[in-house]
Amino acid sequence: FYFRTTDVTGIVHLPEGTEMVMPGDNVAMEVHLIVPIAMEEKLRFAIREGGRTVGAGVVASIIE
């Protein structure tokens, strides 16, 4: 996950019954980052894999 200038690994938890998200799909998911970072609601982020952007999103809420 790429927040502003920070690249951090996260674990994605998709909603029950969702195995895969295809291009163009919208999904609400829960992400657990492996290290804490400063962020706020409505912060935009990119999902990157192997140097390529494969998704994008917005922080809806922060769970501590």
N, C-alpha and C. Protein backbone atom coordinates (compact mmCIF):
# COMPACT_ATOMS: atom_id res chain seq x y z
N PHE A 1 0.84 -1.16 0.00
CA PHE A 1 0.00 0.00 0.00
C PHE A 1 0.89 1.23 0.00
N TYR A 2 0.51 2.21 -0.78
CA TYR A 2 1.31 3.42 -0.94
C TYR A 2 0.49 4.61 -0.47
N PHE A 3 0.84 5.18 0.67
CA PHE A 3 0.19 6.35 1.25
C PHE A 3 1.13 7.53 1.12
N ARG A 4 0.76 8.54 0.38
CA ARG A 4 1.60 9.72 0.14
C ARG A 4 2.98 9.27 -0.32
N THR A 5 3.98 9.30 0.56
CA THR A 5 5.34 8.88 0.19
C THR A 5 5.77 7.63 0.93
N THR A 6 4.84 6.94 1.59
CA THR A 6 5.17 5.78 2.40
C THR A 6 4.67 4.51 1.72
N ASP A 7 5.54 3.53 1.62
CA ASP A 7 5.20 2.22 1.07
C ASP A 7 5.18 1.23 2.23
N VAL A 8 4.04 0.59 2.49
CA VAL A 8 3.92 -0.32 3.63
C VAL A 8 3.13 -1.56 3.21
N THR A 9 3.55 -2.70 3.73
CA THR A 9 2.87 -3.96 3.45
C THR A 9 1.63 -4.08 4.32
N GLY A 10 0.57 -4.64 3.76
CA GLY A 10 -0.67 -4.83 4.50
C GLY A 10 -1.33 -6.14 4.15
N ILE A 11 -2.17 -6.62 5.05
CA ILE A 11 -2.93 -7.85 4.85
C ILE A 11 -4.38 -7.46 4.57
N VAL A 12 -4.91 -7.92 3.44
CA VAL A 12 -6.26 -7.57 3.01
C VAL A 12 -7.25 -8.62 3.47
N HIS A 13 -8.36 -8.16 4.04
CA HIS A 13 -9.47 -9.03 4.43
C HIS A 13 -10.68 -8.61 3.60
N LEU A 14 -11.04 -9.44 2.61
CA LEU A 14 -12.19 -9.14 1.76
C LEU A 14 -13.48 -9.54 2.45
N PRO A 15 -14.62 -8.95 2.04
CA PRO A 15 -15.90 -9.34 2.64
C PRO A 15 -16.19 -10.82 2.41
N GLU A 16 -16.95 -11.41 3.30
CA GLU A 16 -17.29 -12.83 3.20
C GLU A 16 -17.96 -13.11 1.86
N GLY A 17 -17.51 -14.17 1.21
CA GLY A 17 -18.06 -14.55 -0.08
C GLY A 17 -17.35 -13.93 -1.27
N THR A 18 -16.38 -13.05 -1.01
CA THR A 18 -15.60 -12.41 -2.08
C THR A 18 -14.22 -13.05 -2.12
N GLU A 19 -13.92 -13.71 -3.24
CA GLU A 19 -12.62 -14.36 -3.38
C GLU A 19 -11.64 -13.52 -4.18
N MET A 20 -12.18 -12.71 -5.11
CA MET A 20 -11.32 -11.96 -6.01
C MET A 20 -12.03 -10.67 -6.41
N VAL A 21 -11.26 -9.63 -6.65
CA VAL A 21 -11.80 -8.36 -7.13
C VAL A 21 -11.21 -8.11 -8.51
N MET A 22 -12.07 -7.86 -9.48
CA MET A 22 -11.64 -7.67 -10.86
C MET A 22 -11.57 -6.18 -11.19
N PRO A 23 -10.84 -5.81 -12.26
CA PRO A 23 -10.78 -4.40 -12.66
C PRO A 23 -12.17 -3.82 -12.85
N GLY A 24 -12.38 -2.64 -12.29
CA GLY A 24 -13.68 -1.98 -12.38
C GLY A 24 -14.60 -2.26 -11.21
N ASP A 25 -14.28 -3.27 -10.40
CA ASP A 25 -15.09 -3.60 -9.22
C ASP A 25 -14.79 -2.61 -8.10
N ASN A 26 -15.79 -2.38 -7.27
CA ASN A 26 -15.62 -1.59 -6.04
C ASN A 26 -15.90 -2.51 -4.87
N VAL A 27 -15.09 -2.42 -3.84
CA VAL A 27 -15.27 -3.30 -2.68
C VAL A 27 -14.82 -2.58 -1.41
N ALA A 28 -15.56 -2.81 -0.33
CA ALA A 28 -15.14 -2.32 0.98
C ALA A 28 -14.34 -3.44 1.62
N MET A 29 -13.12 -3.16 2.04
CA MET A 29 -12.26 -4.20 2.61
C MET A 29 -11.59 -3.66 3.86
N GLU A 30 -11.11 -4.59 4.66
CA GLU A 30 -10.36 -4.22 5.86
C GLU A 30 -8.90 -4.58 5.61
N VAL A 31 -8.01 -3.65 5.94
CA VAL A 31 -6.58 -3.86 5.71
C VAL A 31 -5.85 -3.68 7.03
N HIS A 32 -5.00 -4.63 7.37
CA HIS A 32 -4.15 -4.54 8.56
C HIS A 32 -2.73 -4.29 8.07
N LEU A 33 -2.18 -3.12 8.39
CA LEU A 33 -0.81 -2.78 8.00
C LEU A 33 0.17 -3.42 8.97
N ILE A 34 1.34 -3.85 8.45
CA ILE A 34 2.29 -4.55 9.32
C ILE A 34 3.05 -3.60 10.24
N VAL A 35 3.07 -2.31 9.89
CA VAL A 35 3.67 -1.30 10.76
C VAL A 35 2.70 -0.12 10.85
N PRO A 36 2.61 0.51 12.01
CA PRO A 36 1.71 1.67 12.12
C PRO A 36 2.26 2.88 11.36
N ILE A 37 1.38 3.61 10.70
CA ILE A 37 1.78 4.84 10.03
C ILE A 37 0.74 5.92 10.35
N ALA A 38 1.14 7.17 10.18
CA ALA A 38 0.21 8.29 10.38
C ALA A 38 -0.72 8.37 9.18
N MET A 39 -2.03 8.39 9.44
CA MET A 39 -3.01 8.53 8.37
C MET A 39 -4.28 9.11 8.95
N GLU A 40 -5.18 9.49 8.07
CA GLU A 40 -6.46 10.04 8.49
C GLU A 40 -7.53 9.55 7.53
N GLU A 41 -8.78 9.67 7.94
CA GLU A 41 -9.88 9.28 7.07
C GLU A 41 -9.87 10.15 5.82
N LYS A 42 -10.35 9.59 4.73
CA LYS A 42 -10.41 10.23 3.41
C LYS A 42 -9.05 10.33 2.72
N LEU A 43 -8.00 9.73 3.32
CA LEU A 43 -6.69 9.71 2.69
C LEU A 43 -6.71 8.71 1.53
N ARG A 44 -6.24 9.14 0.38
CA ARG A 44 -6.19 8.25 -0.79
C ARG A 44 -4.92 7.40 -0.73
N PHE A 45 -5.01 6.19 -1.28
CA PHE A 45 -3.86 5.30 -1.33
C PHE A 45 -3.89 4.49 -2.61
N ALA A 46 -2.74 3.93 -2.94
CA ALA A 46 -2.61 3.05 -4.09
C ALA A 46 -2.21 1.67 -3.60
N ILE A 47 -2.70 0.66 -4.29
CA ILE A 47 -2.29 -0.72 -4.01
C ILE A 47 -1.29 -1.08 -5.09
N ARG A 48 -0.07 -1.38 -4.67
CA ARG A 48 0.99 -1.65 -5.63
C ARG A 48 1.53 -3.06 -5.44
N GLU A 49 1.90 -3.67 -6.54
CA GLU A 49 2.48 -5.01 -6.50
C GLU A 49 3.54 -5.09 -7.59
N GLY A 50 4.75 -5.41 -7.19
CA GLY A 50 5.83 -5.53 -8.16
C GLY A 50 6.12 -4.23 -8.91
N GLY A 51 5.96 -3.08 -8.24
CA GLY A 51 6.24 -1.80 -8.87
C GLY A 51 5.12 -1.27 -9.75
N ARG A 52 4.01 -2.00 -9.83
CA ARG A 52 2.87 -1.57 -10.65
C ARG A 52 1.67 -1.28 -9.76
N THR A 53 0.92 -0.25 -10.10
CA THR A 53 -0.31 0.06 -9.37
C THR A 53 -1.41 -0.86 -9.88
N VAL A 54 -2.00 -1.62 -8.96
CA VAL A 54 -3.05 -2.58 -9.32
C VAL A 54 -4.40 -2.19 -8.74
N GLY A 55 -4.43 -1.13 -7.94
CA GLY A 55 -5.69 -0.68 -7.36
C GLY A 55 -5.50 0.64 -6.64
N ALA A 56 -6.62 1.23 -6.25
CA ALA A 56 -6.58 2.50 -5.52
C ALA A 56 -7.77 2.54 -4.59
N GLY A 57 -7.67 3.38 -3.57
CA GLY A 57 -8.78 3.47 -2.63
C GLY A 57 -8.70 4.70 -1.76
N VAL A 58 -9.66 4.77 -0.84
CA VAL A 58 -9.76 5.87 0.11
C VAL A 58 -9.99 5.27 1.49
N VAL A 59 -9.30 5.78 2.50
CA VAL A 59 -9.49 5.31 3.87
C VAL A 59 -10.87 5.78 4.34
N ALA A 60 -11.76 4.82 4.64
CA ALA A 60 -13.12 5.14 5.08
C ALA A 60 -13.17 5.34 6.59
N SER A 61 -12.48 4.47 7.32
CA SER A 61 -12.42 4.60 8.77
C SER A 61 -11.16 3.92 9.27
N ILE A 62 -10.73 4.33 10.46
CA ILE A 62 -9.51 3.78 11.05
C ILE A 62 -9.90 2.97 12.27
N ILE A 63 -9.46 1.71 12.29
CA ILE A 63 -9.73 0.80 13.40
C ILE A 63 -8.42 0.61 14.14
N GLU A 64 -8.40 0.87 15.42
CA GLU A 64 -7.15 0.74 16.18
C GLU A 64 -7.03 -0.62 16.82
